[in-house]
Amino acid sequence: MVELVEPDVRYEASYRAAMREYAAEGRGDEGEALEAHPSFGSFVEELRDHARGRGLPPGWVAAADYWLVDGDTYLGRVQVRTELTDALRRYGGHVGYAIRPSARRQGHGTTALRLALERCRAIGLARVLVTCDETNAASRRIIEANGGVLEDLVVLQGRPARTMRYWIDVARDG
């Protein structure tokens, strides 16, 4: 059964395999946070601390990481931020997500965002900002399938494509 869970050491082998997949496609940045830790357990603890707003780097906001899993298999992650900085209003928003390469094109991105939006509703957010690059057709479909309404496209220095900014109403039922 596919579900969103809090990070846990039981997923270490599958998580590390996913990071190798990201690195193979040139996205080694997905695994950078893990590599900065002496153990997988300390990495998981840091994620939990960041969810509580503890030990945050300057300029960061509290962000809860959740992992999309199927049994013991790590499929991807979502991050839920309850507040936005000016920078997050332009790029990043309340929810970010990533699906490991071998689990893409199977509906997991749509499921991950849907489950993240349920978490957003549960913590009292009424509207959620989700962003993606204009060139990321898969992410656009995921956001729109979850009720995203495009507000605008913005050009951000250092970004390779314009950023699409979507709002999703999560206050309503269903």
Protein backbone atom coordinates (compact mmCIF):
# COMPACT_ATOMS: atom_id res chain seq x y z
CA MET A 1 0.00 0.00 0.00
CA VAL A 2 1.40 3.38 -1.01
CA GLU A 3 1.44 5.87 1.84
CA LEU A 4 3.19 8.97 3.18
CA VAL A 5 5.27 8.29 6.28
CA GLU A 6 7.71 10.20 8.42
CA PRO A 7 11.35 9.48 7.60
CA ASP A 8 12.57 6.31 9.30
CA VAL A 9 15.78 4.29 9.31
CA ARG A 10 13.89 1.20 8.14
CA TYR A 11 13.91 2.68 4.61
CA GLU A 12 17.69 3.19 4.50
CA ALA A 13 18.54 0.65 1.79
CA SER A 14 15.76 1.76 -0.51
CA TYR A 15 16.45 5.45 0.13
CA ARG A 16 20.13 5.01 -0.72
CA ALA A 17 19.19 3.13 -3.90
CA ALA A 18 16.93 6.03 -4.89
CA MET A 19 19.77 8.52 -4.31
CA ARG A 20 21.95 6.45 -6.65
CA GLU A 21 19.18 6.67 -9.27
CA TYR A 22 19.05 10.47 -8.91
CA ALA A 23 22.85 10.69 -9.18
CA ALA A 24 22.81 8.55 -12.35
CA GLU A 25 20.48 11.06 -14.01
CA GLY A 26 22.66 13.99 -12.91
CA ARG A 27 20.64 15.02 -9.86
CA GLY A 28 23.18 14.29 -7.16
CA ASP A 29 21.82 17.23 -5.17
CA GLU A 30 18.98 14.98 -3.97
CA GLY A 31 21.46 13.02 -1.85
CA GLU A 32 23.65 15.89 -0.63
CA ALA A 33 21.91 16.24 2.75
CA LEU A 34 22.44 12.55 3.49
CA GLU A 35 26.13 12.66 2.59
CA ALA A 36 26.72 15.41 5.17
CA HIS A 37 25.83 13.01 8.01
CA PRO A 38 27.88 10.36 9.78
CA SER A 39 24.92 7.95 9.81
CA PHE A 40 21.51 7.46 8.27
CA GLY A 41 20.00 7.78 11.74
CA SER A 42 21.47 11.24 12.23
CA PHE A 43 20.13 12.25 8.81
CA VAL A 44 16.62 11.11 9.80
CA GLU A 45 16.92 12.97 13.12
CA GLU A 46 17.86 16.18 11.33
CA LEU A 47 14.79 15.87 9.08
CA ARG A 48 12.62 15.44 12.17
CA ASP A 49 14.28 18.44 13.86
CA HIS A 50 13.68 20.60 10.78
CA ALA A 51 10.00 19.65 10.87
CA ARG A 52 9.89 21.05 14.42
CA GLY A 53 11.81 24.18 13.43
CA ARG A 54 14.97 23.13 15.27
CA GLY A 55 18.48 23.48 13.88
CA LEU A 56 17.39 25.30 10.75
CA PRO A 57 19.99 27.00 8.58
CA PRO A 58 19.59 30.81 8.39
CA GLY A 59 16.63 31.85 6.24
CA TRP A 60 14.94 28.45 6.30
CA VAL A 61 11.44 27.78 7.61
CA ALA A 62 10.21 24.67 9.39
CA ALA A 63 9.53 21.96 6.83
CA ALA A 64 8.12 18.50 7.43
CA ASP A 65 9.56 15.82 5.17
CA TYR A 66 7.44 12.81 4.36
CA TRP A 67 8.44 9.80 2.35
CA LEU A 68 6.16 8.10 -0.14
CA VAL A 69 6.62 4.37 0.37
CA ASP A 70 5.14 1.09 -0.72
CA GLY A 71 5.93 -1.41 2.00
CA ASP A 72 9.68 -1.03 2.58
CA THR A 73 10.28 0.62 -0.80
CA TYR A 74 11.05 4.33 -0.89
CA LEU A 75 9.27 5.89 -3.89
CA GLY A 76 9.85 9.59 -3.29
CA ARG A 77 9.42 12.47 -0.91
CA VAL A 78 7.31 15.51 -0.22
CA GLN A 79 8.12 18.49 1.91
CA VAL A 80 5.42 20.60 3.56
CA ARG A 81 6.21 24.13 4.68
CA THR A 82 3.63 25.91 6.85
CA GLU A 83 4.96 29.39 6.19
CA LEU A 84 6.53 31.10 3.20
CA THR A 85 9.45 33.47 2.88
CA ASP A 86 9.57 35.93 -0.02
CA ALA A 87 11.85 33.49 -1.84
CA LEU A 88 9.46 30.55 -1.29
CA ARG A 89 6.59 32.68 -2.61
CA ARG A 90 8.49 32.94 -5.88
CA TYR A 91 9.89 29.40 -6.08
CA GLY A 92 9.21 26.42 -3.87
CA GLY A 93 5.88 27.21 -2.28
CA HIS A 94 4.29 25.21 0.53
CA VAL A 95 4.88 21.79 -1.02
CA GLY A 96 7.79 20.30 -2.92
CA TYR A 97 8.03 16.73 -4.14
CA ALA A 98 10.31 14.34 -6.01
CA ILE A 99 9.73 10.81 -7.24
CA ARG A 100 12.69 8.45 -7.75
CA PRO A 101 13.38 7.76 -11.43
CA SER A 102 12.37 4.07 -11.36
CA ALA A 103 8.98 4.96 -9.83
CA ARG A 104 7.99 7.71 -12.29
CA ARG A 105 5.10 7.52 -14.77
CA GLN A 106 3.13 5.31 -12.40
CA GLY A 107 0.93 7.95 -10.76
CA HIS A 108 3.09 8.28 -7.66
CA GLY A 109 3.66 12.02 -8.11
CA THR A 110 -0.08 12.68 -8.22
CA THR A 111 -0.59 10.48 -5.16
CA ALA A 112 2.29 12.13 -3.28
CA LEU A 113 0.91 15.63 -3.84
CA ARG A 114 -2.65 14.54 -2.98
CA LEU A 115 -1.48 13.05 0.31
CA ALA A 116 0.65 16.14 1.04
CA LEU A 117 -2.39 18.35 0.48
CA GLU A 118 -4.29 16.27 3.04
CA ARG A 119 -1.48 17.03 5.52
CA CYS A 120 -1.72 20.72 4.62
CA ARG A 121 -5.47 20.71 5.28
CA ALA A 122 -4.94 18.89 8.60
CA ILE A 123 -2.53 21.58 9.83
CA GLY A 124 -4.94 24.36 8.91
CA LEU A 125 -3.68 25.71 5.61
CA ALA A 126 -6.51 26.97 3.41
CA ARG A 127 -4.55 27.62 0.21
CA VAL A 128 -1.30 26.01 -0.83
CA LEU A 129 1.29 27.34 -3.28
CA VAL A 130 3.05 24.78 -5.47
CA THR A 131 5.58 25.73 -8.14
CA CYS A 132 7.36 24.04 -11.02
CA ASP A 133 9.47 24.95 -14.00
CA GLU A 134 7.51 25.70 -17.15
CA THR A 135 9.47 22.95 -18.92
CA ASN A 136 8.43 20.27 -16.41
CA ALA A 137 5.30 18.92 -18.12
CA ALA A 138 4.98 15.98 -15.70
CA SER A 139 4.94 18.25 -12.66
CA ARG A 140 2.43 20.58 -14.31
CA ARG A 141 0.09 17.62 -14.90
CA ILE A 142 0.51 16.49 -11.28
CA ILE A 143 -0.30 19.94 -9.89
CA GLU A 144 -3.28 20.44 -12.22
CA ALA A 145 -4.63 16.95 -11.42
CA ASN A 146 -4.66 18.02 -7.77
CA GLY A 147 -6.66 21.19 -8.43
CA GLY A 148 -3.83 23.63 -9.08
CA VAL A 149 -4.87 26.94 -10.59
CA LEU A 150 -2.10 28.80 -12.38
CA GLU A 151 -1.58 32.29 -10.96
CA ASP A 152 1.39 33.40 -13.06
CA LEU A 153 4.74 32.62 -14.60
CA VAL A 154 7.79 34.38 -13.25
CA VAL A 155 11.35 34.73 -14.43
CA LEU A 156 13.85 34.09 -11.65
CA GLN A 157 17.53 34.77 -11.86
CA GLY A 158 19.52 31.57 -12.09
CA ARG A 159 16.54 29.38 -13.07
CA PRO A 160 16.73 27.74 -16.50
CA ALA A 161 13.02 28.19 -17.23
CA ARG A 162 10.17 30.38 -16.09
CA THR A 163 8.53 29.30 -12.85
CA MET A 164 4.83 28.43 -12.86
CA ARG A 165 3.08 29.39 -9.63
CA TYR A 166 -0.09 27.41 -8.81
CA TRP A 167 -2.51 27.78 -5.91
CA ILE A 168 -4.58 24.88 -4.61
CA ASP A 169 -7.59 25.38 -2.36
CA VAL A 170 -7.32 22.75 0.37
CA ALA A 171 -9.89 24.24 2.78
CA ARG A 172 -12.78 22.64 0.95
CA ASP A 173 -13.70 18.99 1.46
CA GLY A 174 -12.49 16.34 -0.88
